Amino acid sequence: MKINKNNWSWIRHPKDYTVSEDKIEIITSPHTDLWQRTYYHFRNDNAPVLQMKTPEKYFSFIVKTEFESKHRFDQCGVVMYLDSENWLKGSIEYENEEYQHLGSVATNMGYSDWATTAIPADIKSMWYRFSRREDDYCIECSEDGVHYSQMRVCHMWKADNEIQFGIYACSPEDSSFKATFTHMEVTDCKWLAHVGQAPDEE
């Protein structure tokens, strides 16, 4: 199901953006970011986020990102932003001319983590698939939009009823770049039920 642009709502508008039925473009502003406390001790909560709401417990959200990132920490990707202290994101963060970080951040109760892997700096496009199974979540990535690899499986303590999910882009340092989002759709849940070890009896 393609997403109607009227279903989107902003948490913090970017200064420069365009939204159409098939494409969203965001020009990032310098010193915008999402991070809470862990390791760096600072709190940054000013990145523009565009989301839609749903009470659905089983679904997947797919989006293709293209980006002109060129400065350290420039990033864009998929997000579930509930409030300043509870959110989940998956993205590529530019590091230097050699490599960048493909990773995800889960922030629960005001503390962020960051799980990453290094990829070549010349990759300028990535697909993401964000999936929900009840109160648990999965983020996957793909270079071709067909074959997806798991980035993270996690539980979000505050995401047990209606949630918000969508896209974001930001430039934590003194930078600005264009992020383009296309091929956005919501589908039946592509994150299949686990068929391995049975859960312990309670």
Protein backbone atom coordinates (compact mmCIF):
# COMPACT_ATOMS: atom_id res chain seq x y z
CA MET A 1 0.00 0.00 0.00
CA LYS A 2 1.48 3.32 -1.03
CA ILE A 3 1.37 6.02 1.60
CA ASN A 4 -0.90 9.02 1.18
CA LYS A 5 1.11 12.16 1.88
CA ASN A 6 -1.82 13.49 3.92
CA ASN A 7 -1.09 10.77 6.49
CA TRP A 8 2.32 12.24 7.28
CA SER A 9 2.94 14.72 10.11
CA TRP A 10 6.11 16.50 11.15
CA ILE A 11 7.91 16.41 14.46
CA ARG A 12 10.05 19.48 13.84
CA HIS A 13 9.90 20.80 10.27
CA PRO A 14 13.17 21.14 8.35
CA LYS A 15 13.79 24.60 6.96
CA ASP A 16 13.94 23.29 3.40
CA TYR A 17 11.94 20.31 2.11
CA THR A 18 9.48 19.10 -0.52
CA VAL A 19 6.77 16.45 -0.16
CA SER A 20 4.94 14.86 -3.09
CA GLU A 21 3.01 11.62 -3.60
CA ASP A 22 6.12 9.74 -4.75
CA LYS A 23 9.09 11.52 -3.21
CA ILE A 24 10.20 13.43 -0.13
CA GLU A 25 13.32 15.59 -0.12
CA ILE A 26 14.89 17.07 3.01
CA ILE A 27 17.76 19.55 3.05
CA THR A 28 19.34 19.13 6.45
CA SER A 29 20.32 21.98 8.73
CA PRO A 30 23.62 22.05 10.63
CA HIS A 31 23.75 20.84 14.24
CA THR A 32 20.64 18.65 14.07
CA ASP A 33 20.69 15.18 15.61
CA LEU A 34 18.99 12.45 17.66
CA TRP A 35 20.96 11.06 20.62
CA GLN A 36 20.38 10.55 24.34
CA ARG A 37 23.08 10.48 27.02
CA THR A 38 25.03 7.23 26.52
CA TYR A 39 28.82 7.58 26.27
CA TYR A 40 28.84 11.17 25.01
CA HIS A 41 26.66 12.34 27.94
CA PHE A 42 24.99 14.98 25.80
CA ARG A 43 21.39 15.02 24.61
CA ASN A 44 20.50 16.08 21.05
CA ASP A 45 16.83 16.04 20.10
CA ASN A 46 16.28 18.45 17.23
CA ALA A 47 16.33 16.38 14.01
CA PRO A 48 13.33 16.76 11.69
CA VAL A 49 11.12 13.65 11.66
CA LEU A 50 8.21 12.91 9.32
CA GLN A 51 5.89 10.15 10.51
CA MET A 52 2.49 8.51 10.34
CA LYS A 53 0.54 6.80 13.14
CA THR A 54 -0.86 3.30 13.38
CA PRO A 55 -2.27 0.96 16.04
CA GLU A 56 -1.48 -2.05 13.81
CA LYS A 57 0.57 -4.74 15.54
CA TYR A 58 1.90 -6.52 12.43
CA PHE A 59 3.24 -4.62 9.42
CA SER A 60 6.36 -3.56 7.51
CA PHE A 61 7.33 -0.10 6.27
CA ILE A 62 9.67 0.08 3.27
CA VAL A 63 11.58 3.12 2.00
CA LYS A 64 14.46 3.82 -0.36
CA THR A 65 16.94 6.51 0.65
CA GLU A 66 19.37 8.41 -1.57
CA PHE A 67 21.75 10.90 -0.03
CA GLU A 68 24.47 13.40 -0.86
CA SER A 69 26.16 13.15 2.52
CA LYS A 70 29.72 14.43 2.65
CA HIS A 71 30.47 15.47 6.23
CA ARG A 72 31.02 13.46 9.40
CA PHE A 73 27.79 12.13 10.94
CA ASP A 74 25.50 13.26 8.06
CA GLN A 75 22.67 10.72 8.15
CA CYS A 76 19.19 9.79 6.96
CA GLY A 77 16.98 6.76 7.29
CA VAL A 78 13.98 5.15 8.93
CA VAL A 79 12.71 6.03 12.39
CA MET A 80 10.08 5.31 15.01
CA TYR A 81 10.04 8.43 17.21
CA LEU A 82 7.69 8.12 20.18
CA ASP A 83 9.08 10.91 22.33
CA SER A 84 12.48 12.43 23.10
CA GLU A 85 13.55 9.49 25.29
CA ASN A 86 12.04 6.57 23.38
CA TRP A 87 12.81 6.02 19.70
CA LEU A 88 14.41 3.68 17.17
CA LYS A 89 16.30 4.58 14.00
CA GLY A 90 18.26 2.91 11.21
CA SER A 91 20.56 4.86 8.88
CA ILE A 92 23.94 5.38 7.28
CA GLU A 93 26.19 7.92 8.97
CA TYR A 94 28.98 9.36 6.85
CA GLU A 95 32.41 9.21 8.47
CA ASN A 96 35.11 10.08 5.90
CA GLU A 97 36.13 9.50 2.28
CA GLU A 98 36.89 5.84 2.96
CA TYR A 99 33.99 4.51 5.01
CA GLN A 100 30.69 5.25 6.70
CA HIS A 101 28.61 3.53 9.37
CA LEU A 102 25.53 1.49 8.53
CA GLY A 103 23.78 1.11 11.84
CA SER A 104 20.84 1.48 14.17
CA VAL A 105 20.08 3.15 17.48
CA ALA A 106 17.51 2.00 20.03
CA THR A 107 16.73 4.55 22.72
CA ASN A 108 14.77 3.27 25.70
CA MET A 109 14.01 5.33 28.80
CA GLY A 110 16.40 8.10 27.77
CA TYR A 111 19.51 6.07 26.91
CA SER A 112 20.71 5.40 23.37
CA ASP A 113 22.85 2.60 22.04
CA TRP A 114 24.49 2.37 18.61
CA ALA A 115 25.24 -0.83 16.69
CA THR A 116 27.16 -0.38 13.43
CA THR A 117 29.17 -1.95 10.66
CA ALA A 118 31.55 -0.13 8.32
CA ILE A 119 30.62 0.13 4.62
CA PRO A 120 32.32 1.95 1.73
CA ALA A 121 31.85 5.72 1.60
CA ASP A 122 30.77 5.64 -2.04
CA ILE A 123 27.46 3.92 -1.23
CA LYS A 124 24.86 6.65 -1.70
CA SER A 125 21.61 4.69 -1.64
CA MET A 126 20.02 2.22 0.77
CA TRP A 127 16.63 0.60 1.26
CA TYR A 128 15.22 0.03 4.75
CA ARG A 129 12.45 -2.21 6.01
CA PHE A 130 11.02 -1.46 9.45
CA SER A 131 8.76 -4.20 10.83
CA ARG A 132 6.58 -4.63 13.88
CA ARG A 133 5.45 -7.84 15.58
CA GLU A 134 3.38 -6.79 18.59
CA ASP A 135 5.81 -4.87 20.85
CA ASP A 136 9.00 -6.05 19.15
CA TYR A 137 10.71 -4.50 16.14
CA CYS A 138 13.12 -5.33 13.34
CA ILE A 139 15.12 -3.08 11.03
CA GLU A 140 16.58 -4.51 7.82
CA CYS A 141 18.56 -2.98 4.95
CA SER A 142 19.03 -3.72 1.26
CA GLU A 143 21.10 -2.31 -1.57
CA ASP A 144 18.67 -3.50 -4.25
CA GLY A 145 15.26 -3.40 -2.54
CA VAL A 146 14.88 -7.16 -2.96
CA HIS A 147 17.38 -8.93 -0.72
CA TYR A 148 17.29 -7.64 2.87
CA SER A 149 19.75 -8.19 5.73
CA GLN A 150 18.87 -7.89 9.40
CA MET A 151 20.33 -4.90 11.24
CA ARG A 152 18.56 -5.12 14.59
CA VAL A 153 15.84 -6.93 16.52
CA CYS A 154 14.74 -5.16 19.70
CA HIS A 155 11.97 -4.55 22.19
CA MET A 156 10.73 -1.01 22.73
CA TRP A 157 9.24 -0.51 26.17
CA LYS A 158 7.04 2.45 25.26
CA ALA A 159 5.87 1.12 21.88
CA ASP A 160 3.11 -1.20 23.02
CA ASN A 161 0.03 0.50 21.56
CA GLU A 162 -0.29 3.14 18.82
CA ILE A 163 3.08 4.11 17.40
CA GLN A 164 4.54 6.63 14.97
CA PHE A 165 7.05 5.69 12.28
CA GLY A 166 8.60 7.25 9.20
CA ILE A 167 11.78 8.99 8.06
CA TYR A 168 14.37 11.47 9.27
CA ALA A 169 17.54 13.27 8.15
CA CYS A 170 20.05 15.38 10.04
CA SER A 171 23.57 16.82 10.15
CA PRO A 172 25.01 16.80 13.68
CA GLU A 173 28.01 18.95 12.77
CA ASP A 174 28.38 22.09 10.65
CA SER A 175 26.99 20.59 7.45
CA SER A 176 23.98 20.31 5.15
CA PHE A 177 23.00 17.78 2.48
CA LYS A 178 19.99 16.56 0.49
CA ALA A 179 18.25 13.31 1.48
CA THR A 180 15.69 11.81 -0.90
CA PHE A 181 13.08 9.22 0.11
CA THR A 182 11.10 7.18 -2.46
CA HIS A 183 9.30 3.84 -2.90
CA MET A 184 7.53 4.23 0.44
CA GLU A 185 4.91 1.63 1.24
CA VAL A 186 3.31 -0.25 4.10
CA THR A 187 2.89 -4.01 3.64
CA ASP A 188 1.92 -7.10 5.55
CA CYS A 189 4.61 -7.95 8.07
CA LYS A 190 7.68 -9.31 6.24
CA TRP A 191 9.40 -10.19 9.53
CA LEU A 192 8.29 -13.78 9.88
CA ALA A 193 7.46 -15.48 13.15
CA HIS A 194 10.35 -17.31 14.83
CA VAL A 195 10.23 -21.05 14.18
CA GLY A 196 13.22 -22.18 16.25
CA GLN A 197 13.32 -22.92 19.94
CA ALA A 198 9.96 -22.81 21.69
CA PRO A 199 9.59 -20.22 24.46
CA ASP A 200 9.98 -21.36 28.07
CA GLU A 201 6.74 -22.17 29.85
CA GLU A 202 5.78 -19.61 32.43
